[in-house]
């Protein structure tokens, strides 16, 4: 019964994303929304017959994209219909430096390269197999710097549990079977903020499966130099932070972030919130921002 409910939820979520792709993604999809949707389902059907293998990819919207599960580019579709849409809502166009923490195979970075041609991207992903796909997705000489590293409060080593079904949900865990190198955001502050000459990070995205607070605490210097922040917050079963303790990391004498857009994972206007993604602006750097 549980599997049946999950299947129907998956079908409903996929159809909703298709609708949003048609409504929201005309500007960013060069080959068209309907063609993207066709490719998405062709990959899903393919893996009903042929199991997903590490390194599988598909030509999609002019790019060959390597994906990390039998769901193919469905994860990329979610980024296009949510993150890209929120950036459009507030007419955020002047992005030259992007930092992608918890990059997975690079869907967020791929979206940024489409949306902001010529931007410089710094992507962090610790899981070796996933990192290899991230590198493959950016093997054509674009301005992207990739690091096989986890981000946290301190530099050192951390154990990670790798989700074999959905590697995007892999996370730091004391019982994890994978040992990874961990650094702080501020260790890379000087390199990132000096490369493009502006001294700022235009867009910082953090999605590290309940360890977002640790990344923020280890990156206060970079946070102060960040204009816009995409932040995932997980509430269900999360013992690492509450919403209050998480948001307390986003205000100080030198930076102050205001939420301007969000997505509730349940897509409900009211009711339970298991997790959400937020777009925030640093009002200490941005004296004004556009209303949708």
C-alpha atoms as a PDB file:
ATOM      1  CA  UNK A   1       0.000   0.000   0.000  1.00  0.00           C
ATOM      2  CA  UNK A   2       2.836   2.357   0.884  1.00  0.00           C
ATOM      3  CA  UNK A   3       4.509   1.676  -2.469  1.00  0.00           C
ATOM      4  CA  UNK A   4       1.255   2.374  -4.307  1.00  0.00           C
ATOM      5  CA  UNK A   5       0.847   5.732  -2.532  1.00  0.00           C
ATOM      6  CA  UNK A   6       4.433   6.662  -3.370  1.00  0.00           C
ATOM      7  CA  UNK A   7       3.907   5.699  -7.019  1.00  0.00           C
ATOM      8  CA  UNK A   8       0.830   7.906  -7.357  1.00  0.00           C
ATOM      9  CA  UNK A   9       2.589  10.771  -5.576  1.00  0.00           C
ATOM     10  CA  UNK A  10       5.455  10.390  -8.045  1.00  0.00           C
ATOM     11  CA  UNK A  11       3.080  10.463 -11.023  1.00  0.00           C
ATOM     12  CA  UNK A  12       1.283  13.540  -9.679  1.00  0.00           C
ATOM     13  CA  UNK A  13       4.551  15.348  -8.967  1.00  0.00           C
ATOM     14  CA  UNK A  14       5.846  14.566 -12.463  1.00  0.00           C
ATOM     15  CA  UNK A  15       2.684  15.879 -14.140  1.00  0.00           C
ATOM     16  CA  UNK A  16       2.804  19.069 -12.051  1.00  0.00           C
ATOM     17  CA  UNK A  17       6.417  19.624 -13.090  1.00  0.00           C
ATOM     18  CA  UNK A  18       5.470  19.107 -16.747  1.00  0.00           C
ATOM     19  CA  UNK A  19       2.767  21.757 -16.424  1.00  0.00           C
ATOM     20  CA  UNK A  20       5.210  24.160 -14.762  1.00  0.00           C
ATOM     21  CA  UNK A  21       7.822  23.441 -17.432  1.00  0.00           C
ATOM     22  CA  UNK A  22       5.396  24.564 -20.132  1.00  0.00           C
ATOM     23  CA  UNK A  23       4.332  27.625 -18.118  1.00  0.00           C
ATOM     24  CA  UNK A  24       7.699  28.776 -16.790  1.00  0.00           C
ATOM     25  CA  UNK A  25      10.582  27.477 -18.905  1.00  0.00           C
ATOM     26  CA  UNK A  26      10.026  28.877 -22.402  1.00  0.00           C
ATOM     27  CA  UNK A  27      12.836  31.402 -22.053  1.00  0.00           C
ATOM     28  CA  UNK A  28      15.495  29.022 -20.733  1.00  0.00           C
ATOM     29  CA  UNK A  29      14.804  25.887 -22.831  1.00  0.00           C
ATOM     30  CA  UNK A  30      16.254  26.500 -26.287  1.00  0.00           C
ATOM     31  CA  UNK A  31      14.673  23.408 -27.890  1.00  0.00           C
ATOM     32  CA  UNK A  32      11.268  23.897 -26.286  1.00  0.00           C
ATOM     33  CA  UNK A  33       9.414  22.652 -23.207  1.00  0.00           C
ATOM     34  CA  UNK A  34       7.511  19.852 -24.949  1.00  0.00           C
ATOM     35  CA  UNK A  35      10.699  18.356 -26.368  1.00  0.00           C
ATOM     36  CA  UNK A  36      12.291  18.442 -22.910  1.00  0.00           C
ATOM     37  CA  UNK A  37       9.280  16.623 -21.429  1.00  0.00           C
ATOM     38  CA  UNK A  38       9.414  13.998 -24.194  1.00  0.00           C
ATOM     39  CA  UNK A  39      13.103  13.354 -23.478  1.00  0.00           C
ATOM     40  CA  UNK A  40      12.428  13.083 -19.741  1.00  0.00           C
ATOM     41  CA  UNK A  41       9.828  10.344 -20.222  1.00  0.00           C
ATOM     42  CA  UNK A  42      11.855   8.540 -22.869  1.00  0.00           C
ATOM     43  CA  UNK A  43      14.686   8.135 -20.356  1.00  0.00           C
ATOM     44  CA  UNK A  44      12.322   6.965 -17.601  1.00  0.00           C
ATOM     45  CA  UNK A  45      10.747   4.393 -19.926  1.00  0.00           C
ATOM     46  CA  UNK A  46      14.197   3.264 -21.061  1.00  0.00           C
ATOM     47  CA  UNK A  47      15.174   2.480 -17.466  1.00  0.00           C
ATOM     48  CA  UNK A  48      12.031   0.430 -16.905  1.00  0.00           C
ATOM     49  CA  UNK A  49      13.690  -2.063 -19.266  1.00  0.00           C
ATOM     50  CA  UNK A  50      17.370  -1.317 -18.889  1.00  0.00           C
ATOM     51  CA  UNK A  51      18.707  -0.632 -15.362  1.00  0.00           C
ATOM     52  CA  UNK A  52      20.433   2.688 -14.775  1.00  0.00           C
ATOM     53  CA  UNK A  53      24.227   2.440 -15.006  1.00  0.00           C
ATOM     54  CA  UNK A  54      26.770   4.921 -13.681  1.00  0.00           C
ATOM     55  CA  UNK A  55      27.608   7.347 -16.468  1.00  0.00           C
ATOM     56  CA  UNK A  56      24.335   7.135 -18.403  1.00  0.00           C
ATOM     57  CA  UNK A  57      23.438  10.368 -20.162  1.00  0.00           C
ATOM     58  CA  UNK A  58      21.123  11.914 -22.725  1.00  0.00           C
ATOM     59  CA  UNK A  59      21.197  14.744 -25.264  1.00  0.00           C
ATOM     60  CA  UNK A  60      18.809  17.288 -23.769  1.00  0.00           C
ATOM     61  CA  UNK A  61      18.150  20.843 -24.922  1.00  0.00           C
ATOM     62  CA  UNK A  62      21.409  21.034 -26.818  1.00  0.00           C
ATOM     63  CA  UNK A  63      23.617  19.618 -24.047  1.00  0.00           C
ATOM     64  CA  UNK A  64      24.645  16.063 -23.266  1.00  0.00           C
ATOM     65  CA  UNK A  65      23.623  15.638 -19.615  1.00  0.00           C
ATOM     66  CA  UNK A  66      24.888  12.868 -17.344  1.00  0.00           C
ATOM     67  CA  UNK A  67      22.344  11.955 -14.659  1.00  0.00           C
ATOM     68  CA  UNK A  68      22.565   9.924 -11.462  1.00  0.00           C
ATOM     69  CA  UNK A  69      19.410   7.792 -11.240  1.00  0.00           C
ATOM     70  CA  UNK A  70      16.765   5.971 -13.270  1.00  0.00           C
ATOM     71  CA  UNK A  71      14.690   9.172 -13.194  1.00  0.00           C
ATOM     72  CA  UNK A  72      17.076  10.780 -15.670  1.00  0.00           C
ATOM     73  CA  UNK A  73      16.713  14.545 -16.044  1.00  0.00           C
ATOM     74  CA  UNK A  74      13.669  14.861 -13.756  1.00  0.00           C
ATOM     75  CA  UNK A  75      15.926  16.422 -11.112  1.00  0.00           C
ATOM     76  CA  UNK A  76      17.119  18.983 -13.637  1.00  0.00           C
ATOM     77  CA  UNK A  77      13.495  19.729 -14.506  1.00  0.00           C
ATOM     78  CA  UNK A  78      12.798  20.563 -10.858  1.00  0.00           C
ATOM     79  CA  UNK A  79      15.654  23.075 -10.817  1.00  0.00           C
ATOM     80  CA  UNK A  80      14.346  24.708 -13.995  1.00  0.00           C
ATOM     81  CA  UNK A  81      10.778  24.970 -12.704  1.00  0.00           C
ATOM     82  CA  UNK A  82      11.643  26.239  -9.195  1.00  0.00           C
ATOM     83  CA  UNK A  83      15.062  27.851  -8.813  1.00  0.00           C
ATOM     84  CA  UNK A  84      15.122  29.440 -12.266  1.00  0.00           C
ATOM     85  CA  UNK A  85      11.537  30.614 -11.844  1.00  0.00           C
ATOM     86  CA  UNK A  86      12.235  32.309  -8.497  1.00  0.00           C
ATOM     87  CA  UNK A  87      15.198  34.146  -9.992  1.00  0.00           C
ATOM     88  CA  UNK A  88      12.908  35.333 -12.799  1.00  0.00           C
ATOM     89  CA  UNK A  89      10.267  36.500 -10.330  1.00  0.00           C
ATOM     90  CA  UNK A  90      12.675  39.051  -8.905  1.00  0.00           C
ATOM     91  CA  UNK A  91      14.387  39.913 -12.182  1.00  0.00           C
ATOM     92  CA  UNK A  92      17.780  38.777 -10.898  1.00  0.00           C
ATOM     93  CA  UNK A  93      19.940  39.069 -13.997  1.00  0.00           C
ATOM     94  CA  UNK A  94      23.359  40.479 -13.085  1.00  0.00           C
ATOM     95  CA  UNK A  95      24.996  37.247 -11.895  1.00  0.00           C
ATOM     96  CA  UNK A  96      28.701  36.705 -12.601  1.00  0.00           C
ATOM     97  CA  UNK A  97      29.874  34.535  -9.653  1.00  0.00           C
ATOM     98  CA  UNK A  98      27.979  31.435  -8.452  1.00  0.00           C
ATOM     99  CA  UNK A  99      28.904  29.059  -5.604  1.00  0.00           C
ATOM    100  CA  UNK A 100      27.101  25.685  -5.647  1.00  0.00           C
ATOM    101  CA  UNK A 101      27.426  23.770  -2.355  1.00  0.00           C
ATOM    102  CA  UNK A 102      26.060  20.243  -2.582  1.00  0.00           C
ATOM    103  CA  UNK A 103      26.239  20.377  -6.365  1.00  0.00           C
ATOM    104  CA  UNK A 104      25.369  16.719  -6.994  1.00  0.00           C
ATOM    105  CA  UNK A 105      25.794  16.191 -10.778  1.00  0.00           C
ATOM    106  CA  UNK A 106      25.497  19.929 -11.435  1.00  0.00           C
ATOM    107  CA  UNK A 107      21.854  20.622 -12.275  1.00  0.00           C
ATOM    108  CA  UNK A 108      21.820  23.983 -10.477  1.00  0.00           C
ATOM    109  CA  UNK A 109      25.127  24.925 -12.127  1.00  0.00           C
ATOM    110  CA  UNK A 110      23.796  23.847 -15.542  1.00  0.00           C
ATOM    111  CA  UNK A 111      20.779  26.086 -15.023  1.00  0.00           C
ATOM    112  CA  UNK A 112      23.042  29.011 -14.097  1.00  0.00           C
ATOM    113  CA  UNK A 113      25.193  28.508 -17.202  1.00  0.00           C
ATOM    114  CA  UNK A 114      22.059  28.687 -19.356  1.00  0.00           C
ATOM    115  CA  UNK A 115      20.630  31.650 -17.497  1.00  0.00           C
ATOM    116  CA  UNK A 116      23.831  33.625 -17.018  1.00  0.00           C
ATOM    117  CA  UNK A 117      26.206  32.840 -19.914  1.00  0.00           C
ATOM    118  CA  UNK A 118      29.779  33.617 -18.990  1.00  0.00           C
ATOM    119  CA  UNK A 119      29.257  33.373 -15.233  1.00  0.00           C
ATOM    120  CA  UNK A 120      32.009  31.772 -13.153  1.00  0.00           C
ATOM    121  CA  UNK A 121      30.872  28.777 -11.065  1.00  0.00           C
ATOM    122  CA  UNK A 122      32.478  27.078  -8.065  1.00  0.00           C
ATOM    123  CA  UNK A 123      30.841  23.683  -7.398  1.00  0.00           C
ATOM    124  CA  UNK A 124      31.418  21.435  -4.370  1.00  0.00           C
ATOM    125  CA  UNK A 125      30.409  17.751  -4.310  1.00  0.00           C
ATOM    126  CA  UNK A 126      32.029  15.087  -2.053  1.00  0.00           C
ATOM    127  CA  UNK A 127      30.655  11.729  -3.331  1.00  0.00           C
ATOM    128  CA  UNK A 128      33.218  10.327  -5.834  1.00  0.00           C
ATOM    129  CA  UNK A 129      30.757   8.770  -8.319  1.00  0.00           C
ATOM    130  CA  UNK A 130      28.560  11.865  -8.290  1.00  0.00           C
ATOM    131  CA  UNK A 131      31.544  14.183  -8.560  1.00  0.00           C
ATOM    132  CA  UNK A 132      32.721  12.269 -11.654  1.00  0.00           C
ATOM    133  CA  UNK A 133      29.371  13.006 -13.341  1.00  0.00           C
ATOM    134  CA  UNK A 134      29.591  16.654 -12.296  1.00  0.00           C
ATOM    135  CA  UNK A 135      32.976  16.911 -14.008  1.00  0.00           C
ATOM    136  CA  UNK A 136      31.593  15.190 -17.134  1.00  0.00           C
ATOM    137  CA  UNK A 137      28.722  17.667 -17.286  1.00  0.00           C
ATOM    138  CA  UNK A 138      31.232  20.512 -17.447  1.00  0.00           C
ATOM    139  CA  UNK A 139      33.983  18.992 -19.577  1.00  0.00           C
ATOM    140  CA  UNK A 140      33.616  21.437 -22.444  1.00  0.00           C
ATOM    141  CA  UNK A 141      35.808  24.255 -21.115  1.00  0.00           C
ATOM    142  CA  UNK A 142      33.212  26.451 -19.386  1.00  0.00           C
ATOM    143  CA  UNK A 143      34.271  28.702 -16.508  1.00  0.00           C
ATOM    144  CA  UNK A 144      33.569  26.213 -13.744  1.00  0.00           C
ATOM    145  CA  UNK A 145      35.797  25.162 -10.869  1.00  0.00           C
ATOM    146  CA  UNK A 146      34.806  21.839  -9.289  1.00  0.00           C
ATOM    147  CA  UNK A 147      35.946  20.463  -5.935  1.00  0.00           C
ATOM    148  CA  UNK A 148      35.490  16.947  -4.546  1.00  0.00           C
ATOM    149  CA  UNK A 149      34.863  18.246  -1.053  1.00  0.00           C
ATOM    150  CA  UNK A 150      32.167  18.418   1.617  1.00  0.00           C
ATOM    151  CA  UNK A 151      31.468  21.753   3.314  1.00  0.00           C
ATOM    152  CA  UNK A 152      31.013  22.147   7.050  1.00  0.00           C
ATOM    153  CA  UNK A 153      31.946  23.961  10.240  1.00  0.00           C
ATOM    154  CA  UNK A 154      35.540  22.709  10.404  1.00  0.00           C
ATOM    155  CA  UNK A 155      38.183  21.360   8.043  1.00  0.00           C
ATOM    156  CA  UNK A 156      39.016  17.679   8.386  1.00  0.00           C
ATOM    157  CA  UNK A 157      37.372  14.352   7.572  1.00  0.00           C
ATOM    158  CA  UNK A 158      33.699  13.365   7.719  1.00  0.00           C
ATOM    159  CA  UNK A 159      31.746  10.152   7.222  1.00  0.00           C
ATOM    160  CA  UNK A 160      28.949  10.162   4.661  1.00  0.00           C
ATOM    161  CA  UNK A 161      26.052   7.813   4.061  1.00  0.00           C
ATOM    162  CA  UNK A 162      25.603   7.387   0.306  1.00  0.00           C
ATOM    163  CA  UNK A 163      22.013   6.762  -0.805  1.00  0.00           C
ATOM    164  CA  UNK A 164      22.359   4.159  -3.565  1.00  0.00           C
ATOM    165  CA  UNK A 165      18.897   4.875  -5.030  1.00  0.00           C
ATOM    166  CA  UNK A 166      19.047   8.680  -4.940  1.00  0.00           C
ATOM    167  CA  UNK A 167      22.581   9.981  -4.444  1.00  0.00           C
ATOM    168  CA  UNK A 168      21.220  13.513  -4.129  1.00  0.00           C
ATOM    169  CA  UNK A 169      20.017  12.514  -0.650  1.00  0.00           C
ATOM    170  CA  UNK A 170      23.459  11.339   0.534  1.00  0.00           C
ATOM    171  CA  UNK A 171      24.455  13.050   3.763  1.00  0.00           C
ATOM    172  CA  UNK A 172      27.025  13.417   6.528  1.00  0.00           C
ATOM    173  CA  UNK A 173      26.530  10.635   9.082  1.00  0.00           C
ATOM    174  CA  UNK A 174      28.757   9.200  11.814  1.00  0.00           C
ATOM    175  CA  UNK A 175      27.735   5.724  10.664  1.00  0.00           C
ATOM    176  CA  UNK A 176      28.405   6.516   7.004  1.00  0.00           C
ATOM    177  CA  UNK A 177      30.568   4.157   4.977  1.00  0.00           C
ATOM    178  CA  UNK A 178      32.348   6.857   2.941  1.00  0.00           C
ATOM    179  CA  UNK A 179      35.129   9.048   4.369  1.00  0.00           C
ATOM    180  CA  UNK A 180      35.333  12.459   2.660  1.00  0.00           C
ATOM    181  CA  UNK A 181      37.446  15.586   2.965  1.00  0.00           C
ATOM    182  CA  UNK A 182      35.650  18.501   4.621  1.00  0.00           C
ATOM    183  CA  UNK A 183      36.471  22.198   4.346  1.00  0.00           C
ATOM    184  CA  UNK A 184      34.790  25.476   5.261  1.00  0.00           C
ATOM    185  CA  UNK A 185      33.435  28.015   2.808  1.00  0.00           C
ATOM    186  CA  UNK A 186      35.747  30.647   4.217  1.00  0.00           C
ATOM    187  CA  UNK A 187      38.806  28.633   3.195  1.00  0.00           C
ATOM    188  CA  UNK A 188      37.872  29.508  -0.393  1.00  0.00           C
ATOM    189  CA  UNK A 189      36.689  33.066   0.293  1.00  0.00           C
ATOM    190  CA  UNK A 190      39.754  34.857  -1.053  1.00  0.00           C
ATOM    191  CA  UNK A 191      40.022  32.784  -4.242  1.00  0.00           C
ATOM    192  CA  UNK A 192      36.335  32.988  -5.108  1.00  0.00           C
ATOM    193  CA  UNK A 193      35.839  36.668  -4.346  1.00  0.00           C
ATOM    194  CA  UNK A 194      39.004  37.791  -6.137  1.00  0.00           C
ATOM    195  CA  UNK A 195      38.773  35.795  -9.399  1.00  0.00           C
ATOM    196  CA  UNK A 196      36.150  37.995 -11.039  1.00  0.00           C
ATOM    197  CA  UNK A 197      37.326  41.226  -9.443  1.00  0.00           C
ATOM    198  CA  UNK A 198      33.982  42.235  -7.907  1.00  0.00           C
ATOM    199  CA  UNK A 199      34.799  40.937  -4.429  1.00  0.00           C
ATOM    200  CA  UNK A 200      31.269  39.490  -4.201  1.00  0.00           C
ATOM    201  CA  UNK A 201      29.482  36.175  -4.541  1.00  0.00           C
ATOM    202  CA  UNK A 202      26.390  37.001  -6.558  1.00  0.00           C
ATOM    203  CA  UNK A 203      24.558  33.726  -5.914  1.00  0.00           C
ATOM    204  CA  UNK A 204      25.267  31.078  -3.261  1.00  0.00           C
ATOM    205  CA  UNK A 205      23.260  27.837  -3.196  1.00  0.00           C
ATOM    206  CA  UNK A 206      23.451  25.447  -0.223  1.00  0.00           C
ATOM    207  CA  UNK A 207      21.704  22.059  -0.290  1.00  0.00           C
ATOM    208  CA  UNK A 208      23.488  19.576   1.969  1.00  0.00           C
ATOM    209  CA  UNK A 209      20.707  17.427   3.459  1.00  0.00           C
ATOM    210  CA  UNK A 210      20.251  18.845   7.016  1.00  0.00           C
ATOM    211  CA  UNK A 211      23.806  20.212   7.404  1.00  0.00           C
ATOM    212  CA  UNK A 212      23.039  23.683   6.017  1.00  0.00           C
ATOM    213  CA  UNK A 213      23.568  25.353   9.411  1.00  0.00           C
ATOM    214  CA  UNK A 214      27.105  23.951   9.674  1.00  0.00           C
ATOM    215  CA  UNK A 215      27.983  25.279   6.216  1.00  0.00           C
ATOM    216  CA  UNK A 216      26.678  28.722   7.159  1.00  0.00           C
ATOM    217  CA  UNK A 217      28.619  28.787  10.423  1.00  0.00           C
ATOM    218  CA  UNK A 218      31.796  27.815   8.584  1.00  0.00           C
ATOM    219  CA  UNK A 219      31.266  30.502   5.956  1.00  0.00           C
ATOM    220  CA  UNK A 220      30.476  33.743   7.761  1.00  0.00           C
ATOM    221  CA  UNK A 221      33.092  35.641   5.772  1.00  0.00           C
ATOM    222  CA  UNK A 222      31.642  34.468   2.468  1.00  0.00           C
ATOM    223  CA  UNK A 223      28.078  35.033   3.666  1.00  0.00           C
ATOM    224  CA  UNK A 224      28.959  38.690   4.263  1.00  0.00           C
ATOM    225  CA  UNK A 225      30.084  38.940   0.619  1.00  0.00           C
ATOM    226  CA  UNK A 226      27.000  37.155  -0.794  1.00  0.00           C
ATOM    227  CA  UNK A 227      24.182  39.022  -2.533  1.00  0.00           C
ATOM    228  CA  UNK A 228      21.597  36.246  -3.042  1.00  0.00           C
ATOM    229  CA  UNK A 229      21.267  32.904  -1.264  1.00  0.00           C
ATOM    230  CA  UNK A 230      19.365  29.744  -2.229  1.00  0.00           C
ATOM    231  CA  UNK A 231      19.000  27.669   0.925  1.00  0.00           C
ATOM    232  CA  UNK A 232      17.289  24.327   1.530  1.00  0.00           C
ATOM    233  CA  UNK A 233      15.791  23.811   4.990  1.00  0.00           C
ATOM    234  CA  UNK A 234      14.677  20.361   6.135  1.00  0.00           C
ATOM    235  CA  UNK A 235      12.367  20.022   9.137  1.00  0.00           C
ATOM    236  CA  UNK A 236      11.040  16.450   9.156  1.00  0.00           C
ATOM    237  CA  UNK A 237      13.357  14.213  11.168  1.00  0.00           C
ATOM    238  CA  UNK A 238      16.078  16.868  11.320  1.00  0.00           C
ATOM    239  CA  UNK A 239      17.978  16.919  14.621  1.00  0.00           C
ATOM    240  CA  UNK A 240      20.693  19.281  13.392  1.00  0.00           C
ATOM    241  CA  UNK A 241      18.743  22.540  13.489  1.00  0.00           C
ATOM    242  CA  UNK A 242      15.360  24.202  13.867  1.00  0.00           C
ATOM    243  CA  UNK A 243      14.167  26.962  11.563  1.00  0.00           C
ATOM    244  CA  UNK A 244      15.023  29.507  14.286  1.00  0.00           C
ATOM    245  CA  UNK A 245      18.573  28.256  14.818  1.00  0.00           C
ATOM    246  CA  UNK A 246      19.136  28.009  11.051  1.00  0.00           C
ATOM    247  CA  UNK A 247      17.971  31.555  10.356  1.00  0.00           C
ATOM    248  CA  UNK A 248      20.037  32.940  13.235  1.00  0.00           C
ATOM    249  CA  UNK A 249      23.081  32.318  11.034  1.00  0.00           C
ATOM    250  CA  UNK A 250      21.814  34.825   8.482  1.00  0.00           C
ATOM    251  CA  UNK A 251      22.047  38.031  10.509  1.00  0.00           C
ATOM    252  CA  UNK A 252      25.029  39.880  11.972  1.00  0.00           C
ATOM    253  CA  UNK A 253      26.475  43.391  12.087  1.00  0.00           C
ATOM    254  CA  UNK A 254      27.720  43.006   8.506  1.00  0.00           C
ATOM    255  CA  UNK A 255      25.009  40.938   6.796  1.00  0.00           C
ATOM    256  CA  UNK A 256      21.252  40.522   7.056  1.00  0.00           C
ATOM    257  CA  UNK A 257      19.212  38.223   4.812  1.00  0.00           C
ATOM    258  CA  UNK A 258      15.534  38.622   3.970  1.00  0.00           C
ATOM    259  CA  UNK A 259      13.495  35.797   2.421  1.00  0.00           C
ATOM    260  CA  UNK A 260      11.888  36.911  -0.849  1.00  0.00           C
ATOM    261  CA  UNK A 261      10.712  33.601  -2.318  1.00  0.00           C
ATOM    262  CA  UNK A 262      10.262  29.956  -1.362  1.00  0.00           C
ATOM    263  CA  UNK A 263       9.002  26.531  -2.402  1.00  0.00           C
ATOM    264  CA  UNK A 264       7.241  24.220   0.025  1.00  0.00           C
ATOM    265  CA  UNK A 265       8.169  20.658  -0.968  1.00  0.00           C
ATOM    266  CA  UNK A 266       4.559  19.572  -0.396  1.00  0.00           C
ATOM    267  CA  UNK A 267       3.357  22.347  -2.754  1.00  0.00           C
ATOM    268  CA  UNK A 268       0.665  23.250  -0.199  1.00  0.00           C
ATOM    269  CA  UNK A 269      -0.319  26.808   0.627  1.00  0.00           C
ATOM    270  CA  UNK A 270      -0.925  25.711   4.189  1.00  0.00           C
ATOM    271  CA  UNK A 271      -0.431  22.584   6.269  1.00  0.00           C
ATOM    272  CA  UNK A 272       2.704  20.533   7.003  1.00  0.00           C
ATOM    273  CA  UNK A 273       6.117  21.653   5.751  1.00  0.00           C
ATOM    274  CA  UNK A 274       8.619  18.787   5.662  1.00  0.00           C
ATOM    275  CA  UNK A 275      11.218  20.826   3.778  1.00  0.00           C
ATOM    276  CA  UNK A 276      11.475  24.030   1.797  1.00  0.00           C
ATOM    277  CA  UNK A 277      13.823  25.958  -0.481  1.00  0.00           C
ATOM    278  CA  UNK A 278      14.255  29.685   0.086  1.00  0.00           C
ATOM    279  CA  UNK A 279      15.618  32.527  -1.997  1.00  0.00           C
ATOM    280  CA  UNK A 280      17.038  35.261   0.208  1.00  0.00           C
ATOM    281  CA  UNK A 281      18.611  38.659  -0.433  1.00  0.00           C
ATOM    282  CA  UNK A 282      21.370  40.246   1.657  1.00  0.00           C
ATOM    283  CA  UNK A 283      19.802  43.637   2.377  1.00  0.00           C
ATOM    284  CA  UNK A 284      23.136  44.982   3.608  1.00  0.00           C
ATOM    285  CA  UNK A 285      24.402  44.660   0.017  1.00  0.00           C
ATOM    286  CA  UNK A 286      21.169  45.092  -1.950  1.00  0.00           C
ATOM    287  CA  UNK A 287      19.505  48.328  -0.859  1.00  0.00           C
ATOM    288  CA  UNK A 288      16.484  47.504  -2.979  1.00  0.00           C
ATOM    289  CA  UNK A 289      15.117  44.545  -4.899  1.00  0.00           C
ATOM    290  CA  UNK A 290      12.253  44.125  -7.329  1.00  0.00           C
ATOM    291  CA  UNK A 291       8.858  42.946  -6.201  1.00  0.00           C
ATOM    292  CA  UNK A 292       7.344  40.146  -8.326  1.00  0.00           C
END
